[in-house]
PDB file of N, CA and C in Angstrom:
ATOM      1  N   UNK A   1      24.772  -6.661  -8.236  1.00  0.00           N
ATOM      2  CA  UNK A   1      23.829  -6.100  -8.943  1.00  0.00           C
ATOM      3  C   UNK A   1      22.181  -6.190  -9.232  1.00  0.00           C
ATOM      4  N   UNK A   2      20.754  -5.858  -8.924  1.00  0.00           N
ATOM      5  CA  UNK A   2      20.271  -6.730  -9.484  1.00  0.00           C
ATOM      6  C   UNK A   2      19.818  -4.938 -10.746  1.00  0.00           C
ATOM      7  N   UNK A   3      18.896  -6.599 -11.286  1.00  0.00           N
ATOM      8  CA  UNK A   3      18.641  -5.623 -12.845  1.00  0.00           C
ATOM      9  C   UNK A   3      16.923  -5.976 -12.462  1.00  0.00           C
ATOM     10  N   UNK A   4      16.279  -4.052 -12.729  1.00  0.00           N
ATOM     11  CA  UNK A   4      15.046  -4.018 -12.699  1.00  0.00           C
ATOM     12  C   UNK A   4      14.587  -3.804 -13.763  1.00  0.00           C
ATOM     13  N   UNK A   5      13.513  -4.431 -14.512  1.00  0.00           N
ATOM     14  CA  UNK A   5      12.817  -3.728 -15.721  1.00  0.00           C
ATOM     15  C   UNK A   5      11.941  -2.340 -15.733  1.00  0.00           C
ATOM     16  N   UNK A   6      11.632  -2.056 -16.650  1.00  0.00           N
ATOM     17  CA  UNK A   6      10.944  -0.802 -16.394  1.00  0.00           C
ATOM     18  C   UNK A   6       9.619  -1.237 -16.030  1.00  0.00           C
ATOM     19  N   UNK A   7       9.025  -2.186 -16.298  1.00  0.00           N
ATOM     20  CA  UNK A   7       8.022  -2.847 -15.773  1.00  0.00           C
ATOM     21  C   UNK A   7       7.679  -3.180 -14.621  1.00  0.00           C
ATOM     22  N   UNK A   8       8.618  -3.967 -13.646  1.00  0.00           N
ATOM     23  CA  UNK A   8       8.996  -3.735 -12.546  1.00  0.00           C
ATOM     24  C   UNK A   8       9.182  -2.505 -11.317  1.00  0.00           C
ATOM     25  N   UNK A   9       9.779  -1.313 -12.339  1.00  0.00           N
ATOM     26  CA  UNK A   9       9.818  -0.292 -11.886  1.00  0.00           C
ATOM     27  C   UNK A   9       9.435   0.418 -11.588  1.00  0.00           C
ATOM     28  N   UNK A  10       8.251   0.318 -12.229  1.00  0.00           N
ATOM     29  CA  UNK A  10       6.723   1.103 -12.736  1.00  0.00           C
ATOM     30  C   UNK A  10       5.513   0.476 -11.815  1.00  0.00           C
ATOM     31  N   UNK A  11       5.597  -0.587 -11.641  1.00  0.00           N
ATOM     32  CA  UNK A  11       4.437  -1.191 -10.513  1.00  0.00           C
ATOM     33  C   UNK A  11       5.709  -1.188  -9.447  1.00  0.00           C
ATOM     34  N   UNK A  12       5.543  -0.686  -8.585  1.00  0.00           N
ATOM     35  CA  UNK A  12       6.905  -0.470  -7.998  1.00  0.00           C
ATOM     36  C   UNK A  12       6.686   0.790  -7.093  1.00  0.00           C
ATOM     37  N   UNK A  13       6.559   1.780  -8.079  1.00  0.00           N
ATOM     38  CA  UNK A  13       6.232   3.276  -7.936  1.00  0.00           C
ATOM     39  C   UNK A  13       4.701   3.620  -8.210  1.00  0.00           C
ATOM     40  N   UNK A  14       4.122   2.386  -8.814  1.00  0.00           N
ATOM     41  CA  UNK A  14       2.525   2.473  -7.808  1.00  0.00           C
ATOM     42  C   UNK A  14       2.703   2.119  -6.842  1.00  0.00           C
ATOM     43  N   UNK A  15       2.480   0.876  -6.696  1.00  0.00           N
ATOM     44  CA  UNK A  15       2.891   0.831  -5.472  1.00  0.00           C
ATOM     45  C   UNK A  15       2.977   1.414  -3.884  1.00  0.00           C
ATOM     46  N   UNK A  16       3.973   1.927  -4.067  1.00  0.00           N
ATOM     47  CA  UNK A  16       4.768   3.233  -3.656  1.00  0.00           C
ATOM     48  C   UNK A  16       3.133   4.824  -3.543  1.00  0.00           C
ATOM     49  N   UNK A  17       3.188   4.481  -5.308  1.00  0.00           N
ATOM     50  CA  UNK A  17       1.779   6.115  -4.713  1.00  0.00           C
ATOM     51  C   UNK A  17       0.315   5.565  -3.745  1.00  0.00           C
ATOM     52  N   UNK A  18       0.035   3.959  -4.261  1.00  0.00           N
ATOM     53  CA  UNK A  18      -0.620   3.311  -3.203  1.00  0.00           C
ATOM     54  C   UNK A  18      -0.517   3.649  -2.112  1.00  0.00           C
ATOM     55  N   UNK A  19       0.691   3.351  -1.432  1.00  0.00           N
ATOM     56  CA  UNK A  19       0.463   3.468  -0.401  1.00  0.00           C
ATOM     57  C   UNK A  19       0.863   4.704   0.373  1.00  0.00           C
ATOM     58  N   UNK A  20       0.795   5.874  -0.682  1.00  0.00           N
ATOM     59  CA  UNK A  20       0.658   7.234  -0.144  1.00  0.00           C
ATOM     60  C   UNK A  20      -0.893   7.693   0.445  1.00  0.00           C
ATOM     61  N   UNK A  21      -1.694   7.242  -0.873  1.00  0.00           N
ATOM     62  CA  UNK A  21      -2.619   7.015  -0.720  1.00  0.00           C
ATOM     63  C   UNK A  21      -2.996   6.763   1.029  1.00  0.00           C
ATOM     64  N   UNK A  22      -2.887   5.190   0.358  1.00  0.00           N
ATOM     65  CA  UNK A  22      -3.604   4.353   1.649  1.00  0.00           C
ATOM     66  C   UNK A  22      -3.277   5.320   3.168  1.00  0.00           C
ATOM     67  N   UNK A  23      -1.815   5.570   3.121  1.00  0.00           N
ATOM     68  CA  UNK A  23      -1.544   6.668   4.285  1.00  0.00           C
ATOM     69  C   UNK A  23      -2.343   7.878   4.508  1.00  0.00           C
ATOM     70  N   UNK A  24      -2.719   8.626   3.789  1.00  0.00           N
ATOM     71  CA  UNK A  24      -3.033   9.606   3.756  1.00  0.00           C
ATOM     72  C   UNK A  24      -5.045   9.403   4.168  1.00  0.00           C
ATOM     73  N   UNK A  25      -5.729   8.442   4.071  1.00  0.00           N
ATOM     74  CA  UNK A  25      -6.660   8.037   4.662  1.00  0.00           C
ATOM     75  C   UNK A  25      -6.750   7.404   5.985  1.00  0.00           C
ATOM     76  N   UNK A  26      -5.572   6.817   6.336  1.00  0.00           N
ATOM     77  CA  UNK A  26      -5.706   6.666   7.415  1.00  0.00           C
ATOM     78  C   UNK A  26      -5.286   7.589   8.605  1.00  0.00           C
ATOM     79  N   UNK A  27      -4.596   8.496   8.246  1.00  0.00           N
ATOM     80  CA  UNK A  27      -4.347   9.832   8.909  1.00  0.00           C
ATOM     81  C   UNK A  27      -5.380  10.470   8.956  1.00  0.00           C
ATOM     82  N   UNK A  28      -6.494  10.366   8.331  1.00  0.00           N
ATOM     83  CA  UNK A  28      -7.847  11.193   8.257  1.00  0.00           C
ATOM     84  C   UNK A  28      -8.991  10.590   8.542  1.00  0.00           C
ATOM     85  N   UNK A  29      -8.439   9.403   9.146  1.00  0.00           N
ATOM     86  CA  UNK A  29      -9.515   8.457  10.120  1.00  0.00           C
ATOM     87  C   UNK A  29      -9.346   8.766  11.404  1.00  0.00           C
ATOM     88  N   UNK A  30      -8.666   9.628  12.316  1.00  0.00           N
ATOM     89  CA  UNK A  30      -8.492   9.283  13.803  1.00  0.00           C
ATOM     90  C   UNK A  30      -7.916   8.977  13.935  1.00  0.00           C
ATOM     91  N   UNK A  31      -7.627   7.317  13.441  1.00  0.00           N
ATOM     92  CA  UNK A  31      -6.977   6.108  13.519  1.00  0.00           C
ATOM     93  C   UNK A  31      -5.281   6.830  14.463  1.00  0.00           C
ATOM     94  N   UNK A  32      -5.147   6.019  16.180  1.00  0.00           N
ATOM     95  CA  UNK A  32      -4.285   6.837  16.409  1.00  0.00           C
ATOM     96  C   UNK A  32      -2.969   5.974  16.137  1.00  0.00           C
ATOM     97  N   UNK A  33      -2.206   6.180  15.240  1.00  0.00           N
ATOM     98  CA  UNK A  33      -1.227   5.128  14.936  1.00  0.00           C
ATOM     99  C   UNK A  33       0.138   5.866  14.878  1.00  0.00           C
ATOM    100  N   UNK A  34       0.931   5.631  15.468  1.00  0.00           N
ATOM    101  CA  UNK A  34       2.782   5.701  15.140  1.00  0.00           C
ATOM    102  C   UNK A  34       3.069   6.189  13.909  1.00  0.00           C
ATOM    103  N   UNK A  35       3.869   7.071  13.230  1.00  0.00           N
ATOM    104  CA  UNK A  35       4.230   6.842  11.998  1.00  0.00           C
ATOM    105  C   UNK A  35       4.545   6.490  11.224  1.00  0.00           C
ATOM    106  N   UNK A  36       5.623   5.540  11.882  1.00  0.00           N
ATOM    107  CA  UNK A  36       6.711   4.718  11.559  1.00  0.00           C
ATOM    108  C   UNK A  36       5.926   3.280  11.427  1.00  0.00           C
ATOM    109  N   UNK A  37       4.675   3.086  12.325  1.00  0.00           N
ATOM    110  CA  UNK A  37       3.706   1.625  11.949  1.00  0.00           C
ATOM    111  C   UNK A  37       3.032   2.251  10.908  1.00  0.00           C
ATOM    112  N   UNK A  38       2.215   3.278  10.659  1.00  0.00           N
ATOM    113  CA  UNK A  38       1.700   3.756   9.474  1.00  0.00           C
ATOM    114  C   UNK A  38       2.373   3.777   7.910  1.00  0.00           C
ATOM    115  N   UNK A  39       3.341   3.870   8.062  1.00  0.00           N
ATOM    116  CA  UNK A  39       4.492   3.716   6.520  1.00  0.00           C
ATOM    117  C   UNK A  39       4.138   2.338   6.825  1.00  0.00           C
ATOM    118  N   UNK A  40       4.697   1.603   8.044  1.00  0.00           N
ATOM    119  CA  UNK A  40       4.452  -0.540   7.615  1.00  0.00           C
ATOM    120  C   UNK A  40       3.097  -0.684   6.712  1.00  0.00           C
ATOM    121  N   UNK A  41       2.359  -0.275   8.093  1.00  0.00           N
ATOM    122  CA  UNK A  41       0.828  -0.579   7.488  1.00  0.00           C
ATOM    123  C   UNK A  41       1.083  -0.229   6.109  1.00  0.00           C
ATOM    124  N   UNK A  42       1.415   0.808   5.179  1.00  0.00           N
ATOM    125  CA  UNK A  42       0.331   1.419   4.008  1.00  0.00           C
ATOM    126  C   UNK A  42       1.317   0.699   2.910  1.00  0.00           C
ATOM    127  N   UNK A  43       2.562   0.503   3.489  1.00  0.00           N
ATOM    128  CA  UNK A  43       3.077  -0.425   1.855  1.00  0.00           C
ATOM    129  C   UNK A  43       2.650  -1.674   2.409  1.00  0.00           C
ATOM    130  N   UNK A  44       2.286  -2.798   2.990  1.00  0.00           N
ATOM    131  CA  UNK A  44       1.675  -4.143   3.063  1.00  0.00           C
ATOM    132  C   UNK A  44       0.733  -3.667   2.656  1.00  0.00           C
ATOM    133  N   UNK A  45      -0.423  -3.172   3.210  1.00  0.00           N
ATOM    134  CA  UNK A  45      -1.490  -3.390   2.124  1.00  0.00           C
ATOM    135  C   UNK A  45      -1.236  -2.621   0.768  1.00  0.00           C
ATOM    136  N   UNK A  46      -0.709  -1.834   0.544  1.00  0.00           N
ATOM    137  CA  UNK A  46      -0.985  -2.210  -1.097  1.00  0.00           C
ATOM    138  C   UNK A  46       0.558  -2.670  -1.562  1.00  0.00           C
ATOM    139  N   UNK A  47       1.319  -3.417  -1.050  1.00  0.00           N
ATOM    140  CA  UNK A  47       2.026  -4.828  -1.491  1.00  0.00           C
ATOM    141  C   UNK A  47       1.091  -5.559  -2.053  1.00  0.00           C
ATOM    142  N   UNK A  48      -0.044  -5.830  -1.233  1.00  0.00           N
ATOM    143  CA  UNK A  48      -1.070  -6.719  -0.736  1.00  0.00           C
ATOM    144  C   UNK A  48      -2.559  -6.665  -1.843  1.00  0.00           C
ATOM    145  N   UNK A  49      -2.207  -5.561  -2.420  1.00  0.00           N
ATOM    146  CA  UNK A  49      -3.364  -4.975  -2.838  1.00  0.00           C
ATOM    147  C   UNK A  49      -4.328  -6.401  -3.107  1.00  0.00           C
ATOM    148  N   UNK A  50      -4.008  -7.239  -4.253  1.00  0.00           N
ATOM    149  CA  UNK A  50      -4.297  -8.551  -4.751  1.00  0.00           C
ATOM    150  C   UNK A  50      -5.431  -8.824  -3.618  1.00  0.00           C
ATOM    151  N   UNK A  51      -4.878  -9.750  -2.699  1.00  0.00           N
ATOM    152  CA  UNK A  51      -5.445 -10.311  -1.519  1.00  0.00           C
ATOM    153  C   UNK A  51      -6.188  -9.397  -1.162  1.00  0.00           C
ATOM    154  N   UNK A  52      -6.226  -7.275  -0.560  1.00  0.00           N
ATOM    155  CA  UNK A  52      -6.827  -7.232  -0.124  1.00  0.00           C
ATOM    156  C   UNK A  52      -8.643  -6.737  -0.878  1.00  0.00           C
ATOM    157  N   UNK A  53      -7.501  -6.965  -2.030  1.00  0.00           N
ATOM    158  CA  UNK A  53      -9.561  -6.586  -3.267  1.00  0.00           C
ATOM    159  C   UNK A  53     -10.006  -7.604  -3.180  1.00  0.00           C
ATOM    160  N   UNK A  54      -9.347  -9.030  -2.550  1.00  0.00           N
ATOM    161  CA  UNK A  54     -10.102 -10.122  -3.039  1.00  0.00           C
ATOM    162  C   UNK A  54     -11.249 -10.290  -1.701  1.00  0.00           C
ATOM    163  N   UNK A  55     -10.239 -10.044  -0.582  1.00  0.00           N
ATOM    164  CA  UNK A  55     -10.838 -10.125   0.987  1.00  0.00           C
ATOM    165  C   UNK A  55     -12.401  -9.060   0.797  1.00  0.00           C
ATOM    166  N   UNK A  56     -11.914  -8.232   0.316  1.00  0.00           N
ATOM    167  CA  UNK A  56     -13.209  -6.485   0.104  1.00  0.00           C
ATOM    168  C   UNK A  56     -13.828  -7.364  -0.511  1.00  0.00           C
ATOM    169  N   UNK A  57     -14.088  -7.858  -1.423  1.00  0.00           N
ATOM    170  CA  UNK A  57     -15.211  -8.537  -2.492  1.00  0.00           C
ATOM    171  C   UNK A  57     -15.991  -9.323  -1.942  1.00  0.00           C
ATOM    172  N   UNK A  58     -15.315 -10.059  -1.180  1.00  0.00           N
ATOM    173  CA  UNK A  58     -16.116 -11.048  -0.659  1.00  0.00           C
ATOM    174  C   UNK A  58     -17.219 -10.493   0.394  1.00  0.00           C
ATOM    175  N   UNK A  59     -16.725  -9.122   1.191  1.00  0.00           N
ATOM    176  CA  UNK A  59     -16.999  -8.484   2.485  1.00  0.00           C
ATOM    177  C   UNK A  59     -19.053  -7.674   1.422  1.00  0.00           C
ATOM    178  N   UNK A  60     -19.079  -7.883   0.939  1.00  0.00           N
ATOM    179  CA  UNK A  60     -19.785  -7.178  -0.487  1.00  0.00           C
ATOM    180  C   UNK A  60     -21.700  -7.452  -0.370  1.00  0.00           C
TER     181      UNK A  60
END
């Protein structure tokens, strides 16, 4: 069984929360996307938040 620290568990919970917010944003955007793909995309974006933020900073 894998041992997960409280810090790791909290980080995972924050990532899942962020994925939920991203999913809501995408749902209200009017973009047609399958529910399963929406979930995968939202989790991917949230899990790669640092990279996404860096990319967005360069677009300013």
